[in-house]
Amino acid sequence: MDIPTLRADDKVVVVTGGSKGLGRAMALGFAAAGAHVVVASRKQEACEEVAAEVRALGRKALAVACHVGDWAQCEALVAAVVAEFGRIDVLVNNAGIAPVPPSLDAVTEDLFDKTMAVNLKGPLRLTALAAAHMPRGGSVVNISSKASLHPSPFTVVYAAAKAGQNALTKAAAQEFGPRGIRVNSIVCGMFHTDSLHKSLPTEPMQADMAARVSLGRIASPEEIVGTALYLASDASSYLNGELITLDGG
């Protein structure tokens, strides 16, 4: 019996929001594990920078500018990947935005539409498009948030979008499971990202939040990599439609 590993040798992995934060960490983590990586984000130059880091690890890389809230750009992204590599083995739906309205009354239609487009509309469309080019053993990894499970007035739109993404995870797992394609989600707690630093700009604020975690700290972006590799690998071959909480306890 072969013992499954977290290696991703020669897999084609697409990471949205891959130019910084958790996305960059996962892009480089997959490359270090042997994967070829497609780095997608809104700005081409930022994608190219991470793609160069992937190539420096000895793997192939493709940089594609893509606003995931635009379905035409989602279609162009998948078409570019298939033209370059012929298939998609792993899709990581990581791109997200988390604007913080001061109240429900202050939620504008523009804020609502943009938040839903990036966090839910895009992942739904990309999952459908990518699955059409996935072989058996393919995997979709959605990056969710604890806000989806514990919403507050300040995270209301973001939390609702991520809750919708959780539902997407379970529904897509049922649809694609018979084809040997698994769909799971990482429900993230606090990580040192630009978004967290905007909402908690001072060290005392960050220390206060860290004290609420049983491990007593906020995670580094690289600490998502192991879970992402697990969900994308044969090590999780019987795991489908699950929400894995990664929050330090």
C-alpha atoms as a PDB file:
ATOM      1  CA  MET A   1       0.000   0.000   0.000  1.00  0.00           C
ATOM      2  CA  ASP A   2       1.339   3.411  -0.980  1.00  0.00           C
ATOM      3  CA  ILE A   3       1.426   5.905   1.867  1.00  0.00           C
ATOM      4  CA  PRO A   4      -0.135   9.194   0.724  1.00  0.00           C
ATOM      5  CA  THR A   5       2.010  12.287   0.959  1.00  0.00           C
ATOM      6  CA  LEU A   6       1.475  16.022   0.720  1.00  0.00           C
ATOM      7  CA  ARG A   7       3.578  16.251  -2.418  1.00  0.00           C
ATOM      8  CA  ALA A   8       2.010  17.939  -5.440  1.00  0.00           C
ATOM      9  CA  ASP A   9       4.513  16.900  -8.093  1.00  0.00           C
ATOM     10  CA  ASP A  10       3.564  18.122 -11.579  1.00  0.00           C
ATOM     11  CA  LYS A  11       0.054  19.113 -10.551  1.00  0.00           C
ATOM     12  CA  VAL A  12      -1.342  22.270 -12.144  1.00  0.00           C
ATOM     13  CA  VAL A  13      -2.551  24.518  -9.332  1.00  0.00           C
ATOM     14  CA  VAL A  14      -4.496  27.749  -9.848  1.00  0.00           C
ATOM     15  CA  VAL A  15      -4.413  30.211  -6.941  1.00  0.00           C
ATOM     16  CA  THR A  16      -6.650  33.277  -7.106  1.00  0.00           C
ATOM     17  CA  GLY A  17      -5.625  36.268  -5.050  1.00  0.00           C
ATOM     18  CA  GLY A  18      -2.179  34.750  -5.446  1.00  0.00           C
ATOM     19  CA  SER A  19      -0.078  37.901  -5.492  1.00  0.00           C
ATOM     20  CA  LYS A  20       0.065  38.526  -1.740  1.00  0.00           C
ATOM     21  CA  GLY A  21      -0.892  37.290   1.721  1.00  0.00           C
ATOM     22  CA  LEU A  22      -2.358  33.813   2.004  1.00  0.00           C
ATOM     23  CA  GLY A  23      -2.463  33.435  -1.783  1.00  0.00           C
ATOM     24  CA  ARG A  24       1.253  34.094  -2.229  1.00  0.00           C
ATOM     25  CA  ALA A  25       2.078  31.759   0.651  1.00  0.00           C
ATOM     26  CA  MET A  26       0.027  28.967  -0.931  1.00  0.00           C
ATOM     27  CA  ALA A  27       1.416  29.589  -4.421  1.00  0.00           C
ATOM     28  CA  LEU A  28       4.976  29.235  -3.134  1.00  0.00           C
ATOM     29  CA  GLY A  29       4.011  26.329  -0.872  1.00  0.00           C
ATOM     30  CA  PHE A  30       2.531  24.366  -3.764  1.00  0.00           C
ATOM     31  CA  ALA A  31       5.601  25.131  -5.878  1.00  0.00           C
ATOM     32  CA  ALA A  32       7.899  23.890  -3.113  1.00  0.00           C
ATOM     33  CA  ALA A  33       5.803  20.704  -3.053  1.00  0.00           C
ATOM     34  CA  GLY A  34       6.409  20.174  -6.781  1.00  0.00           C
ATOM     35  CA  ALA A  35       3.409  21.840  -8.443  1.00  0.00           C
ATOM     36  CA  HIS A  36       3.234  24.120 -11.448  1.00  0.00           C
ATOM     37  CA  VAL A  37       1.392  27.246 -10.326  1.00  0.00           C
ATOM     38  CA  VAL A  38      -0.934  29.722 -11.983  1.00  0.00           C
ATOM     39  CA  VAL A  39      -0.895  33.006 -10.084  1.00  0.00           C
ATOM     40  CA  ALA A  40      -4.077  35.011 -10.622  1.00  0.00           C
ATOM     41  CA  SER A  41      -4.869  38.419  -9.183  1.00  0.00           C
ATOM     42  CA  ARG A  42      -6.103  41.782 -10.409  1.00  0.00           C
ATOM     43  CA  LYS A  43      -2.712  43.296 -11.252  1.00  0.00           C
ATOM     44  CA  GLN A  44      -0.540  41.570 -13.839  1.00  0.00           C
ATOM     45  CA  GLU A  45       2.727  42.979 -12.480  1.00  0.00           C
ATOM     46  CA  ALA A  46       2.040  41.630  -8.988  1.00  0.00           C
ATOM     47  CA  CYS A  47       1.209  38.218 -10.467  1.00  0.00           C
ATOM     48  CA  GLU A  48       4.434  38.225 -12.472  1.00  0.00           C
ATOM     49  CA  GLU A  49       6.476  38.865  -9.327  1.00  0.00           C
ATOM     50  CA  VAL A  50       5.105  35.793  -7.570  1.00  0.00           C
ATOM     51  CA  ALA A  51       5.356  33.740 -10.756  1.00  0.00           C
ATOM     52  CA  ALA A  52       9.070  34.597 -10.856  1.00  0.00           C
ATOM     53  CA  GLU A  53       9.403  33.297  -7.292  1.00  0.00           C
ATOM     54  CA  VAL A  54       7.703  30.062  -8.355  1.00  0.00           C
ATOM     55  CA  ARG A  55      10.102  29.648 -11.285  1.00  0.00           C
ATOM     56  CA  ALA A  56      13.028  30.251  -8.928  1.00  0.00           C
ATOM     57  CA  LEU A  57      11.878  27.103  -7.113  1.00  0.00           C
ATOM     58  CA  GLY A  58      12.249  25.170 -10.357  1.00  0.00           C
ATOM     59  CA  ARG A  59       8.590  24.934 -11.299  1.00  0.00           C
ATOM     60  CA  LYS A  60       6.569  26.290 -14.225  1.00  0.00           C
ATOM     61  CA  ALA A  61       4.431  29.362 -13.585  1.00  0.00           C
ATOM     62  CA  LEU A  62       1.797  31.374 -15.386  1.00  0.00           C
ATOM     63  CA  ALA A  63       0.713  34.864 -14.328  1.00  0.00           C
ATOM     64  CA  VAL A  64      -2.818  35.923 -15.284  1.00  0.00           C
ATOM     65  CA  ALA A  65      -4.527  39.185 -14.364  1.00  0.00           C
ATOM     66  CA  CYS A  66      -8.083  38.342 -13.330  1.00  0.00           C
ATOM     67  CA  HIS A  67     -10.857  40.089 -11.438  1.00  0.00           C
ATOM     68  CA  VAL A  68     -12.804  37.056 -10.261  1.00  0.00           C
ATOM     69  CA  GLY A  69     -15.993  39.070  -9.840  1.00  0.00           C
ATOM     70  CA  ASP A  70     -16.145  39.369 -13.647  1.00  0.00           C
ATOM     71  CA  TRP A  71     -17.303  36.109 -15.219  1.00  0.00           C
ATOM     72  CA  ALA A  72     -15.720  36.935 -18.576  1.00  0.00           C
ATOM     73  CA  GLN A  73     -12.354  37.284 -16.850  1.00  0.00           C
ATOM     74  CA  CYS A  74     -12.937  33.979 -15.029  1.00  0.00           C
ATOM     75  CA  GLU A  75     -13.515  32.323 -18.389  1.00  0.00           C
ATOM     76  CA  ALA A  76     -10.369  33.943 -19.791  1.00  0.00           C
ATOM     77  CA  LEU A  77      -8.342  32.710 -16.809  1.00  0.00           C
ATOM     78  CA  VAL A  78      -9.436  29.097 -17.246  1.00  0.00           C
ATOM     79  CA  ALA A  79      -8.893  29.281 -20.993  1.00  0.00           C
ATOM     80  CA  ALA A  80      -5.345  30.586 -20.458  1.00  0.00           C
ATOM     81  CA  VAL A  81      -4.534  27.782 -18.012  1.00  0.00           C
ATOM     82  CA  VAL A  82      -5.888  25.077 -20.297  1.00  0.00           C
ATOM     83  CA  ALA A  83      -4.024  26.533 -23.285  1.00  0.00           C
ATOM     84  CA  GLU A  84      -0.768  26.471 -21.285  1.00  0.00           C
ATOM     85  CA  PHE A  85      -1.085  23.219 -19.337  1.00  0.00           C
ATOM     86  CA  GLY A  86      -4.009  21.294 -20.829  1.00  0.00           C
ATOM     87  CA  ARG A  87      -5.760  20.726 -17.505  1.00  0.00           C
ATOM     88  CA  ILE A  88      -6.360  21.983 -13.962  1.00  0.00           C
ATOM     89  CA  ASP A  89      -5.641  19.674 -11.029  1.00  0.00           C
ATOM     90  CA  VAL A  90      -6.281  22.074  -8.160  1.00  0.00           C
ATOM     91  CA  LEU A  91      -8.222  25.327  -7.876  1.00  0.00           C
ATOM     92  CA  VAL A  92      -7.702  27.472  -4.793  1.00  0.00           C
ATOM     93  CA  ASN A  93     -10.469  30.068  -4.517  1.00  0.00           C
ATOM     94  CA  ASN A  94      -8.587  32.500  -2.317  1.00  0.00           C
ATOM     95  CA  ALA A  95      -9.332  35.956  -3.761  1.00  0.00           C
ATOM     96  CA  GLY A  96     -11.442  37.977  -1.371  1.00  0.00           C
ATOM     97  CA  ILE A  97     -12.280  41.424  -0.064  1.00  0.00           C
ATOM     98  CA  ALA A  98     -13.577  42.323   3.371  1.00  0.00           C
ATOM     99  CA  PRO A  99     -14.800  45.927   3.582  1.00  0.00           C
ATOM    100  CA  VAL A 100     -16.124  46.853   7.020  1.00  0.00           C
ATOM    101  CA  PRO A 101     -19.287  48.983   7.077  1.00  0.00           C
ATOM    102  CA  PRO A 102     -19.985  50.755  10.396  1.00  0.00           C
ATOM    103  CA  SER A 103     -23.610  49.578  10.384  1.00  0.00           C
ATOM    104  CA  LEU A 104     -26.235  47.818   8.288  1.00  0.00           C
ATOM    105  CA  ASP A 105     -27.652  51.180   7.324  1.00  0.00           C
ATOM    106  CA  ALA A 106     -24.220  52.212   6.007  1.00  0.00           C
ATOM    107  CA  VAL A 107     -23.949  49.247   3.616  1.00  0.00           C
ATOM    108  CA  THR A 108     -24.056  50.688   0.116  1.00  0.00           C
ATOM    109  CA  GLU A 109     -25.250  48.791  -2.920  1.00  0.00           C
ATOM    110  CA  ASP A 110     -21.774  49.114  -4.438  1.00  0.00           C
ATOM    111  CA  LEU A 111     -20.098  47.644  -1.338  1.00  0.00           C
ATOM    112  CA  PHE A 112     -22.603  44.788  -1.262  1.00  0.00           C
ATOM    113  CA  ASP A 113     -22.265  43.971  -4.953  1.00  0.00           C
ATOM    114  CA  LYS A 114     -18.453  44.085  -4.976  1.00  0.00           C
ATOM    115  CA  THR A 115     -18.156  41.947  -1.848  1.00  0.00           C
ATOM    116  CA  MET A 116     -20.552  39.311  -3.145  1.00  0.00           C
ATOM    117  CA  ALA A 117     -18.925  39.317  -6.585  1.00  0.00           C
ATOM    118  CA  VAL A 118     -15.393  38.630  -5.362  1.00  0.00           C
ATOM    119  CA  ASN A 119     -16.200  36.296  -2.453  1.00  0.00           C
ATOM    120  CA  LEU A 120     -19.068  34.250  -3.888  1.00  0.00           C
ATOM    121  CA  LYS A 121     -19.917  34.955  -7.527  1.00  0.00           C
ATOM    122  CA  GLY A 122     -16.342  34.413  -8.704  1.00  0.00           C
ATOM    123  CA  PRO A 123     -15.649  31.199  -6.759  1.00  0.00           C
ATOM    124  CA  LEU A 124     -18.933  29.717  -7.982  1.00  0.00           C
ATOM    125  CA  ARG A 125     -18.126  30.418 -11.627  1.00  0.00           C
ATOM    126  CA  LEU A 126     -14.469  29.404 -11.397  1.00  0.00           C
ATOM    127  CA  THR A 127     -15.358  26.147  -9.661  1.00  0.00           C
ATOM    128  CA  ALA A 128     -17.768  25.258 -12.449  1.00  0.00           C
ATOM    129  CA  LEU A 129     -15.328  26.219 -15.202  1.00  0.00           C
ATOM    130  CA  ALA A 130     -12.281  24.559 -13.645  1.00  0.00           C
ATOM    131  CA  ALA A 131     -14.104  21.326 -12.857  1.00  0.00           C
ATOM    132  CA  ALA A 132     -14.764  20.859 -16.563  1.00  0.00           C
ATOM    133  CA  HIS A 133     -10.995  20.527 -17.064  1.00  0.00           C
ATOM    134  CA  MET A 134     -10.146  18.473 -13.957  1.00  0.00           C
ATOM    135  CA  PRO A 135      -9.227  14.808 -14.083  1.00  0.00           C
ATOM    136  CA  ARG A 136     -10.308  12.355 -11.376  1.00  0.00           C
ATOM    137  CA  GLY A 137      -8.429  13.258  -8.224  1.00  0.00           C
ATOM    138  CA  GLY A 138      -8.915  16.960  -8.837  1.00  0.00           C
ATOM    139  CA  SER A 139      -9.543  19.245  -5.897  1.00  0.00           C
ATOM    140  CA  VAL A 140     -11.137  22.628  -5.222  1.00  0.00           C
ATOM    141  CA  VAL A 141     -10.012  24.389  -2.050  1.00  0.00           C
ATOM    142  CA  ASN A 142     -12.156  27.329  -0.981  1.00  0.00           C
ATOM    143  CA  ILE A 143     -10.725  29.829   1.478  1.00  0.00           C
ATOM    144  CA  SER A 144     -13.466  30.865   3.894  1.00  0.00           C
ATOM    145  CA  SER A 145     -13.515  32.755   7.183  1.00  0.00           C
ATOM    146  CA  LYS A 146     -14.726  32.257  10.734  1.00  0.00           C
ATOM    147  CA  ALA A 147     -16.877  35.304  10.102  1.00  0.00           C
ATOM    148  CA  SER A 148     -19.081  32.974   8.039  1.00  0.00           C
ATOM    149  CA  LEU A 149     -19.842  30.991  11.200  1.00  0.00           C
ATOM    150  CA  HIS A 150     -19.746  33.836  13.729  1.00  0.00           C
ATOM    151  CA  PRO A 151     -20.972  36.982  11.929  1.00  0.00           C
ATOM    152  CA  SER A 152     -21.112  40.446  13.439  1.00  0.00           C
ATOM    153  CA  PRO A 153     -22.666  43.733  12.291  1.00  0.00           C
ATOM    154  CA  PHE A 154     -19.204  44.868  11.182  1.00  0.00           C
ATOM    155  CA  THR A 155     -18.595  41.831   8.980  1.00  0.00           C
ATOM    156  CA  VAL A 156     -22.175  41.382   7.815  1.00  0.00           C
ATOM    157  CA  VAL A 157     -21.712  41.458   4.028  1.00  0.00           C
ATOM    158  CA  TYR A 158     -18.378  39.606   4.044  1.00  0.00           C
ATOM    159  CA  ALA A 159     -19.764  37.026   6.475  1.00  0.00           C
ATOM    160  CA  ALA A 160     -22.846  36.491   4.325  1.00  0.00           C
ATOM    161  CA  ALA A 161     -20.711  36.054   1.199  1.00  0.00           C
ATOM    162  CA  LYS A 162     -18.442  33.536   2.931  1.00  0.00           C
ATOM    163  CA  ALA A 163     -21.449  31.685   4.349  1.00  0.00           C
ATOM    164  CA  GLY A 164     -22.657  31.422   0.771  1.00  0.00           C
ATOM    165  CA  GLN A 165     -19.245  30.104  -0.209  1.00  0.00           C
ATOM    166  CA  ASN A 166     -19.557  27.451   2.524  1.00  0.00           C
ATOM    167  CA  ALA A 167     -22.853  26.386   0.958  1.00  0.00           C
ATOM    168  CA  LEU A 168     -21.155  26.341  -2.441  1.00  0.00           C
ATOM    169  CA  THR A 169     -18.476  24.025  -1.028  1.00  0.00           C
ATOM    170  CA  LYS A 170     -21.044  21.470   0.090  1.00  0.00           C
ATOM    171  CA  ALA A 171     -23.203  21.710  -3.037  1.00  0.00           C
ATOM    172  CA  ALA A 172     -20.265  21.469  -5.451  1.00  0.00           C
ATOM    173  CA  ALA A 173     -18.860  18.521  -3.488  1.00  0.00           C
ATOM    174  CA  GLN A 174     -22.106  16.652  -4.098  1.00  0.00           C
ATOM    175  CA  GLU A 175     -22.167  17.518  -7.791  1.00  0.00           C
ATOM    176  CA  PHE A 176     -18.540  16.758  -8.630  1.00  0.00           C
ATOM    177  CA  GLY A 177     -17.853  13.950  -6.150  1.00  0.00           C
ATOM    178  CA  PRO A 178     -19.117  11.239  -8.526  1.00  0.00           C
ATOM    179  CA  ARG A 179     -16.505  12.451 -11.028  1.00  0.00           C
ATOM    180  CA  GLY A 180     -13.727  12.027  -8.469  1.00  0.00           C
ATOM    181  CA  ILE A 181     -13.375  15.782  -7.847  1.00  0.00           C
ATOM    182  CA  ARG A 182     -13.401  16.888  -4.229  1.00  0.00           C
ATOM    183  CA  VAL A 183     -14.414  20.318  -2.891  1.00  0.00           C
ATOM    184  CA  ASN A 184     -13.480  21.424   0.619  1.00  0.00           C
ATOM    185  CA  SER A 185     -13.006  24.670   2.492  1.00  0.00           C
ATOM    186  CA  ILE A 186     -10.509  26.131   4.949  1.00  0.00           C
ATOM    187  CA  VAL A 187     -12.354  28.333   7.441  1.00  0.00           C
ATOM    188  CA  CYS A 188      -9.645  30.755   8.507  1.00  0.00           C
ATOM    189  CA  GLY A 189      -9.196  32.494  11.803  1.00  0.00           C
ATOM    190  CA  MET A 190      -6.757  35.375  12.195  1.00  0.00           C
ATOM    191  CA  PHE A 191      -3.744  35.565   9.909  1.00  0.00           C
ATOM    192  CA  HIS A 192      -1.250  38.389   9.461  1.00  0.00           C
ATOM    193  CA  THR A 193      -2.600  39.826   6.211  1.00  0.00           C
ATOM    194  CA  ASP A 194      -3.180  43.324   4.841  1.00  0.00           C
ATOM    195  CA  SER A 195      -6.875  42.953   5.614  1.00  0.00           C
ATOM    196  CA  LEU A 196      -6.262  42.120   9.271  1.00  0.00           C
ATOM    197  CA  HIS A 197      -3.768  44.960   9.668  1.00  0.00           C
ATOM    198  CA  LYS A 198      -6.298  47.420   8.261  1.00  0.00           C
ATOM    199  CA  SER A 199      -8.939  46.337  10.765  1.00  0.00           C
ATOM    200  CA  LEU A 200      -6.419  46.002  13.628  1.00  0.00           C
ATOM    201  CA  PRO A 201      -3.796  48.650  12.823  1.00  0.00           C
ATOM    202  CA  THR A 202      -1.994  48.806  16.184  1.00  0.00           C
ATOM    203  CA  GLU A 203       0.070  46.225  18.067  1.00  0.00           C
ATOM    204  CA  PRO A 204      -2.106  46.481  21.217  1.00  0.00           C
ATOM    205  CA  MET A 205      -5.207  45.730  19.134  1.00  0.00           C
ATOM    206  CA  GLN A 206      -3.502  42.718  17.566  1.00  0.00           C
ATOM    207  CA  ALA A 207      -2.255  41.527  20.955  1.00  0.00           C
ATOM    208  CA  ASP A 208      -5.779  41.742  22.363  1.00  0.00           C
ATOM    209  CA  MET A 209      -7.112  39.555  19.545  1.00  0.00           C
ATOM    210  CA  ALA A 210      -4.207  37.120  19.850  1.00  0.00           C
ATOM    211  CA  ALA A 211      -5.001  36.667  23.537  1.00  0.00           C
ATOM    212  CA  ARG A 212      -8.381  35.229  22.548  1.00  0.00           C
ATOM    213  CA  VAL A 213      -6.708  32.387  20.642  1.00  0.00           C
ATOM    214  CA  SER A 214      -5.732  29.328  22.668  1.00  0.00           C
ATOM    215  CA  LEU A 215      -2.324  29.247  20.968  1.00  0.00           C
ATOM    216  CA  GLY A 216      -1.941  32.886  21.992  1.00  0.00           C
ATOM    217  CA  ARG A 217      -0.956  34.334  18.640  1.00  0.00           C
ATOM    218  CA  ILE A 218      -2.077  35.356  15.160  1.00  0.00           C
ATOM    219  CA  ALA A 219      -0.946  32.981  12.400  1.00  0.00           C
ATOM    220  CA  SER A 220       1.622  33.772   9.734  1.00  0.00           C
ATOM    221  CA  PRO A 221       0.418  33.369   6.130  1.00  0.00           C
ATOM    222  CA  GLU A 222       2.661  30.320   5.667  1.00  0.00           C
ATOM    223  CA  GLU A 223       0.670  28.431   8.295  1.00  0.00           C
ATOM    224  CA  ILE A 224      -2.186  27.865   5.847  1.00  0.00           C
ATOM    225  CA  VAL A 225       0.052  25.918   3.449  1.00  0.00           C
ATOM    226  CA  GLY A 226      -0.043  22.542   5.211  1.00  0.00           C
ATOM    227  CA  THR A 227      -3.824  22.452   5.293  1.00  0.00           C
ATOM    228  CA  ALA A 228      -4.065  23.539   1.654  1.00  0.00           C
ATOM    229  CA  LEU A 229      -1.611  20.832   0.595  1.00  0.00           C
ATOM    230  CA  TYR A 230      -3.557  18.248   2.594  1.00  0.00           C
ATOM    231  CA  LEU A 231      -6.863  19.146   0.948  1.00  0.00           C
ATOM    232  CA  ALA A 232      -5.271  19.139  -2.504  1.00  0.00           C
ATOM    233  CA  SER A 233      -3.476  15.819  -2.056  1.00  0.00           C
ATOM    234  CA  ASP A 234      -4.369  12.147  -1.945  1.00  0.00           C
ATOM    235  CA  ALA A 235      -3.807  12.325   1.808  1.00  0.00           C
ATOM    236  CA  SER A 236      -7.392  13.649   1.995  1.00  0.00           C
ATOM    237  CA  SER A 237      -8.782  11.387  -0.742  1.00  0.00           C
ATOM    238  CA  TYR A 238     -11.959  10.539   1.222  1.00  0.00           C
ATOM    239  CA  LEU A 239     -12.630  14.060   2.498  1.00  0.00           C
ATOM    240  CA  ASN A 240     -15.297  15.922   0.548  1.00  0.00           C
ATOM    241  CA  GLY A 241     -17.650  18.803   1.275  1.00  0.00           C
ATOM    242  CA  GLU A 242     -16.004  19.658   4.585  1.00  0.00           C
ATOM    243  CA  LEU A 243     -15.285  22.969   6.318  1.00  0.00           C
ATOM    244  CA  ILE A 244     -11.917  22.706   8.103  1.00  0.00           C
ATOM    245  CA  THR A 245     -11.486  25.391  10.751  1.00  0.00           C
ATOM    246  CA  LEU A 246      -7.931  26.727  10.997  1.00  0.00           C
ATOM    247  CA  ASP A 247      -7.926  29.234  13.828  1.00  0.00           C
ATOM    248  CA  GLY A 248      -5.398  28.279  16.503  1.00  0.00           C
ATOM    249  CA  GLY A 249      -8.152  27.099  18.852  1.00  0.00           C
END
